[in-house]
Amino acid sequence: MPIVVTTVFIYAGAALAEIVGCFAFWAWLRQGQSPMWALAGVPALVVFAWLLTLAPADHAGRAYAAYGGVYIAASLLWLWLAEGRVPDRWDLFGGALALVAASIILFAPRSA
């Protein structure tokens, strides 16, 4: 599988795992759900951290920085699909800009 496709799957999976894990805590602490929600969120956060170690970057900071753009876009998708709130044009513009920035960080040619 080409590196770009693999990277997309790694970051998409990481974003889903992080959002699910964090939303579990949100539901517990902000929406009055059972503490069991938080307990269920912990494995998702572990999967998130593991997936980021698979990112094709030489340095953790670069992998995390690039992931940040993907996380922004995935969070807007969550806003729409899970929370029923359609992102506005500024959300979409910001998400697209974040993805462009993430691509530059991750795929720019680098000298050794």
N, C-alpha and C. Protein backbone atom coordinates (compact mmCIF):
# COMPACT_ATOMS: atom_id res chain seq x y z
N MET A 1 0.85 -1.18 0.00
CA MET A 1 0.00 0.00 0.00
C MET A 1 0.89 1.24 0.00
N PRO A 2 0.59 2.22 -0.86
CA PRO A 2 1.41 3.44 -0.91
C PRO A 2 1.43 4.16 0.44
N ILE A 3 2.54 4.85 0.68
CA ILE A 3 2.73 5.51 1.98
C ILE A 3 1.64 6.55 2.28
N VAL A 4 1.15 7.26 1.26
CA VAL A 4 0.12 8.27 1.50
C VAL A 4 -1.17 7.60 1.97
N VAL A 5 -1.56 6.51 1.32
CA VAL A 5 -2.78 5.80 1.71
C VAL A 5 -2.63 5.22 3.12
N THR A 6 -1.50 4.62 3.40
CA THR A 6 -1.24 4.08 4.73
C THR A 6 -1.31 5.18 5.78
N THR A 7 -0.71 6.32 5.48
CA THR A 7 -0.72 7.45 6.41
C THR A 7 -2.13 7.95 6.66
N VAL A 8 -2.93 8.02 5.61
CA VAL A 8 -4.33 8.46 5.77
C VAL A 8 -5.06 7.52 6.71
N PHE A 9 -4.89 6.21 6.53
CA PHE A 9 -5.56 5.25 7.41
C PHE A 9 -5.07 5.34 8.85
N ILE A 10 -3.78 5.52 9.03
CA ILE A 10 -3.23 5.65 10.39
C ILE A 10 -3.81 6.87 11.09
N TYR A 11 -3.76 8.02 10.41
CA TYR A 11 -4.25 9.25 11.03
C TYR A 11 -5.77 9.24 11.19
N ALA A 12 -6.48 8.69 10.24
CA ALA A 12 -7.94 8.61 10.37
C ALA A 12 -8.33 7.71 11.55
N GLY A 13 -7.65 6.58 11.68
CA GLY A 13 -7.92 5.69 12.81
C GLY A 13 -7.56 6.34 14.14
N ALA A 14 -6.43 7.04 14.16
CA ALA A 14 -6.01 7.74 15.38
C ALA A 14 -7.03 8.81 15.75
N ALA A 15 -7.49 9.56 14.76
CA ALA A 15 -8.47 10.62 15.03
C ALA A 15 -9.76 10.04 15.58
N LEU A 16 -10.25 8.97 14.97
CA LEU A 16 -11.47 8.34 15.47
C LEU A 16 -11.29 7.85 16.89
N ALA A 17 -10.18 7.18 17.16
CA ALA A 17 -9.92 6.66 18.50
C ALA A 17 -9.82 7.79 19.53
N GLU A 18 -9.11 8.86 19.17
CA GLU A 18 -8.97 9.97 20.12
C GLU A 18 -10.30 10.66 20.38
N ILE A 19 -11.05 10.90 19.32
CA ILE A 19 -12.34 11.59 19.50
C ILE A 19 -13.30 10.74 20.31
N VAL A 20 -13.36 9.44 20.03
CA VAL A 20 -14.23 8.55 20.82
C VAL A 20 -13.80 8.55 22.28
N GLY A 21 -12.49 8.42 22.53
CA GLY A 21 -12.00 8.41 23.90
C GLY A 21 -12.26 9.71 24.63
N CYS A 22 -12.00 10.82 23.97
CA CYS A 22 -12.23 12.12 24.60
C CYS A 22 -13.71 12.41 24.77
N PHE A 23 -14.52 12.01 23.78
CA PHE A 23 -15.95 12.22 23.90
C PHE A 23 -16.53 11.42 25.07
N ALA A 24 -15.97 10.25 25.34
CA ALA A 24 -16.43 9.46 26.48
C ALA A 24 -16.26 10.25 27.78
N PHE A 25 -15.13 10.93 27.92
CA PHE A 25 -14.92 11.76 29.10
C PHE A 25 -15.84 12.98 29.08
N TRP A 26 -16.04 13.57 27.91
CA TRP A 26 -16.96 14.69 27.76
C TRP A 26 -18.37 14.29 28.22
N ALA A 27 -18.81 13.12 27.75
CA ALA A 27 -20.15 12.65 28.11
C ALA A 27 -20.26 12.46 29.62
N TRP A 28 -19.23 11.93 30.23
CA TRP A 28 -19.25 11.71 31.68
C TRP A 28 -19.24 13.04 32.43
N LEU A 29 -18.30 13.91 32.10
CA LEU A 29 -18.09 15.13 32.89
C LEU A 29 -18.99 16.30 32.50
N ARG A 30 -19.42 16.36 31.24
CA ARG A 30 -20.21 17.50 30.79
C ARG A 30 -21.68 17.19 30.56
N GLN A 31 -21.97 15.90 30.32
CA GLN A 31 -23.35 15.53 30.02
C GLN A 31 -23.98 14.66 31.09
N GLY A 32 -23.25 14.44 32.18
CA GLY A 32 -23.82 13.70 33.30
C GLY A 32 -23.98 12.21 33.08
N GLN A 33 -23.25 11.64 32.12
CA GLN A 33 -23.32 10.20 31.90
C GLN A 33 -22.57 9.46 33.01
N SER A 34 -22.77 8.18 33.05
CA SER A 34 -22.12 7.32 34.03
C SER A 34 -20.59 7.39 33.89
N PRO A 35 -19.87 7.22 35.00
CA PRO A 35 -18.40 7.15 34.92
C PRO A 35 -17.92 5.98 34.05
N MET A 36 -18.78 5.04 33.79
CA MET A 36 -18.43 3.93 32.91
C MET A 36 -18.07 4.42 31.51
N TRP A 37 -18.63 5.55 31.11
CA TRP A 37 -18.27 6.13 29.83
C TRP A 37 -16.77 6.43 29.79
N ALA A 38 -16.26 7.01 30.86
CA ALA A 38 -14.83 7.33 30.91
C ALA A 38 -14.00 6.05 30.88
N LEU A 39 -14.45 5.05 31.60
CA LEU A 39 -13.74 3.78 31.61
C LEU A 39 -13.68 3.18 30.20
N ALA A 40 -14.77 3.32 29.48
CA ALA A 40 -14.80 2.82 28.10
C ALA A 40 -13.92 3.65 27.17
N GLY A 41 -13.71 4.91 27.52
CA GLY A 41 -12.89 5.77 26.68
C GLY A 41 -11.40 5.52 26.78
N VAL A 42 -10.96 4.95 27.87
CA VAL A 42 -9.52 4.73 28.08
C VAL A 42 -8.91 3.82 27.00
N PRO A 43 -9.52 2.67 26.68
CA PRO A 43 -8.92 1.85 25.62
C PRO A 43 -8.84 2.57 24.27
N ALA A 44 -9.81 3.41 23.98
CA ALA A 44 -9.78 4.17 22.73
C ALA A 44 -8.57 5.11 22.72
N LEU A 45 -8.28 5.72 23.85
CA LEU A 45 -7.12 6.63 23.93
C LEU A 45 -5.81 5.87 23.82
N VAL A 46 -5.77 4.65 24.33
CA VAL A 46 -4.58 3.80 24.19
C VAL A 46 -4.37 3.46 22.71
N VAL A 47 -5.44 3.10 22.02
CA VAL A 47 -5.35 2.80 20.58
C VAL A 47 -4.88 4.03 19.82
N PHE A 48 -5.41 5.19 20.17
CA PHE A 48 -4.98 6.45 19.55
C PHE A 48 -3.46 6.62 19.68
N ALA A 49 -2.93 6.48 20.89
CA ALA A 49 -1.50 6.67 21.11
C ALA A 49 -0.68 5.65 20.32
N TRP A 50 -1.13 4.41 20.30
CA TRP A 50 -0.42 3.37 19.56
C TRP A 50 -0.40 3.68 18.07
N LEU A 51 -1.54 4.08 17.52
CA LEU A 51 -1.61 4.37 16.09
C LEU A 51 -0.65 5.49 15.70
N LEU A 52 -0.52 6.50 16.54
CA LEU A 52 0.40 7.59 16.19
C LEU A 52 1.85 7.12 16.12
N THR A 53 2.19 6.06 16.85
CA THR A 53 3.56 5.54 16.75
C THR A 53 3.82 4.91 15.39
N LEU A 54 2.77 4.60 14.64
CA LEU A 54 2.92 4.00 13.31
C LEU A 54 3.05 5.04 12.20
N ALA A 55 2.88 6.30 12.52
CA ALA A 55 2.95 7.36 11.51
C ALA A 55 4.35 7.41 10.90
N PRO A 56 4.41 7.58 9.58
CA PRO A 56 5.71 7.58 8.89
C PRO A 56 6.43 8.93 9.01
N ALA A 57 6.89 9.22 10.19
CA ALA A 57 7.65 10.46 10.43
C ALA A 57 8.90 10.09 11.24
N ASP A 58 9.96 10.81 10.98
CA ASP A 58 11.21 10.53 11.68
C ASP A 58 11.22 11.01 13.12
N HIS A 59 10.34 11.97 13.42
CA HIS A 59 10.31 12.55 14.76
C HIS A 59 8.86 12.61 15.25
N ALA A 60 8.69 12.35 16.52
CA ALA A 60 7.35 12.35 17.11
C ALA A 60 6.67 13.70 16.95
N GLY A 61 7.40 14.77 17.19
CA GLY A 61 6.80 16.10 17.09
C GLY A 61 6.23 16.40 15.72
N ARG A 62 6.92 15.94 14.68
CA ARG A 62 6.42 16.15 13.32
C ARG A 62 5.17 15.31 13.07
N ALA A 63 5.17 14.08 13.56
CA ALA A 63 3.99 13.22 13.42
C ALA A 63 2.80 13.84 14.13
N TYR A 64 3.03 14.37 15.33
CA TYR A 64 1.95 14.97 16.11
C TYR A 64 1.45 16.26 15.45
N ALA A 65 2.35 17.05 14.93
CA ALA A 65 1.96 18.31 14.28
C ALA A 65 1.10 18.03 13.05
N ALA A 66 1.52 17.08 12.24
CA ALA A 66 0.73 16.73 11.06
C ALA A 66 -0.61 16.14 11.47
N TYR A 67 -0.61 15.33 12.51
CA TYR A 67 -1.85 14.73 12.99
C TYR A 67 -2.84 15.81 13.44
N GLY A 68 -2.33 16.90 13.97
CA GLY A 68 -3.20 17.97 14.44
C GLY A 68 -4.17 18.46 13.37
N GLY A 69 -3.70 18.57 12.14
CA GLY A 69 -4.58 18.98 11.05
C GLY A 69 -5.66 17.96 10.76
N VAL A 70 -5.27 16.69 10.80
CA VAL A 70 -6.25 15.62 10.59
C VAL A 70 -7.27 15.62 11.72
N TYR A 71 -6.81 15.84 12.93
CA TYR A 71 -7.71 15.86 14.08
C TYR A 71 -8.75 16.98 13.95
N ILE A 72 -8.32 18.13 13.48
CA ILE A 72 -9.25 19.24 13.30
C ILE A 72 -10.35 18.86 12.32
N ALA A 73 -9.97 18.32 11.18
CA ALA A 73 -10.96 17.92 10.17
C ALA A 73 -11.86 16.81 10.71
N ALA A 74 -11.29 15.83 11.38
CA ALA A 74 -12.09 14.73 11.93
C ALA A 74 -13.04 15.23 13.01
N SER A 75 -12.62 16.20 13.78
CA SER A 75 -13.49 16.76 14.82
C SER A 75 -14.70 17.47 14.21
N LEU A 76 -14.48 18.12 13.09
CA LEU A 76 -15.60 18.77 12.40
C LEU A 76 -16.56 17.73 11.83
N LEU A 77 -16.01 16.63 11.36
CA LEU A 77 -16.86 15.54 10.88
C LEU A 77 -17.67 14.94 12.04
N TRP A 78 -17.04 14.80 13.20
CA TRP A 78 -17.72 14.33 14.41
C TRP A 78 -18.84 15.29 14.80
N LEU A 79 -18.53 16.58 14.75
CA LEU A 79 -19.52 17.62 15.06
C LEU A 79 -20.78 17.40 14.23
N TRP A 80 -20.58 17.10 12.96
CA TRP A 80 -21.70 16.94 12.04
C TRP A 80 -22.40 15.60 12.22
N LEU A 81 -21.64 14.50 12.19
CA LEU A 81 -22.25 13.17 12.18
C LEU A 81 -22.71 12.68 13.55
N ALA A 82 -21.93 12.97 14.58
CA ALA A 82 -22.27 12.45 15.92
C ALA A 82 -23.09 13.43 16.74
N GLU A 83 -22.83 14.73 16.54
CA GLU A 83 -23.53 15.72 17.36
C GLU A 83 -24.64 16.46 16.61
N GLY A 84 -24.76 16.17 15.32
CA GLY A 84 -25.86 16.73 14.56
C GLY A 84 -25.77 18.22 14.26
N ARG A 85 -24.60 18.78 14.37
CA ARG A 85 -24.40 20.22 14.11
C ARG A 85 -23.58 20.37 12.83
N VAL A 86 -24.17 20.95 11.81
CA VAL A 86 -23.49 21.09 10.53
C VAL A 86 -22.40 22.16 10.65
N PRO A 87 -21.16 21.82 10.27
CA PRO A 87 -20.10 22.83 10.29
C PRO A 87 -20.42 23.98 9.35
N ASP A 88 -20.09 25.19 9.76
CA ASP A 88 -20.35 26.33 8.88
C ASP A 88 -19.17 26.51 7.92
N ARG A 89 -19.26 27.50 7.08
CA ARG A 89 -18.22 27.69 6.06
C ARG A 89 -16.87 27.99 6.67
N TRP A 90 -16.84 28.64 7.82
CA TRP A 90 -15.56 28.94 8.47
C TRP A 90 -14.94 27.69 9.06
N ASP A 91 -15.79 26.81 9.60
CA ASP A 91 -15.30 25.51 10.06
C ASP A 91 -14.66 24.75 8.91
N LEU A 92 -15.37 24.71 7.78
CA LEU A 92 -14.89 23.97 6.61
C LEU A 92 -13.61 24.58 6.05
N PHE A 93 -13.55 25.89 5.99
CA PHE A 93 -12.34 26.55 5.51
C PHE A 93 -11.16 26.26 6.43
N GLY A 94 -11.39 26.38 7.72
CA GLY A 94 -10.33 26.10 8.69
C GLY A 94 -9.88 24.65 8.64
N GLY A 95 -10.83 23.73 8.51
CA GLY A 95 -10.48 22.31 8.40
C GLY A 95 -9.66 22.01 7.16
N ALA A 96 -10.06 22.61 6.03
CA ALA A 96 -9.30 22.41 4.79
C ALA A 96 -7.90 22.99 4.91
N LEU A 97 -7.79 24.16 5.50
CA LEU A 97 -6.49 24.79 5.70
C LEU A 97 -5.61 23.92 6.60
N ALA A 98 -6.20 23.36 7.64
CA ALA A 98 -5.44 22.49 8.55
C ALA A 98 -4.93 21.25 7.82
N LEU A 99 -5.74 20.68 6.94
CA LEU A 99 -5.30 19.51 6.18
C LEU A 99 -4.17 19.85 5.21
N VAL A 100 -4.24 21.01 4.60
CA VAL A 100 -3.15 21.44 3.72
C VAL A 100 -1.87 21.61 4.54
N ALA A 101 -1.98 22.24 5.68
CA ALA A 101 -0.81 22.43 6.55
C ALA A 101 -0.25 21.09 7.01
N ALA A 102 -1.12 20.16 7.38
CA ALA A 102 -0.67 18.83 7.82
C ALA A 102 0.08 18.12 6.69
N SER A 103 -0.42 18.23 5.47
CA SER A 103 0.23 17.60 4.32
C SER A 103 1.62 18.19 4.08
N ILE A 104 1.73 19.49 4.21
CA ILE A 104 3.03 20.13 4.03
C ILE A 104 4.01 19.63 5.08
N ILE A 105 3.58 19.59 6.32
CA ILE A 105 4.46 19.14 7.40
C ILE A 105 4.91 17.70 7.18
N LEU A 106 3.99 16.85 6.80
CA LEU A 106 4.30 15.43 6.72
C LEU A 106 5.02 15.03 5.43
N PHE A 107 4.64 15.61 4.31
CA PHE A 107 5.13 15.12 3.03
C PHE A 107 6.14 16.04 2.32
N ALA A 108 6.50 17.15 2.93
CA ALA A 108 7.48 18.03 2.29
C ALA A 108 8.82 17.32 2.16
N PRO A 109 9.52 17.57 1.05
CA PRO A 109 10.86 16.97 0.91
C PRO A 109 11.80 17.57 1.95
N ARG A 110 12.56 16.73 2.56
CA ARG A 110 13.48 17.18 3.62
C ARG A 110 14.89 16.73 3.31
N SER A 111 15.82 17.56 3.69
CA SER A 111 17.22 17.16 3.56
C SER A 111 17.62 16.40 4.82
N ALA A 112 18.58 15.56 4.67
CA ALA A 112 19.03 14.73 5.79
C ALA A 112 19.65 15.54 6.83
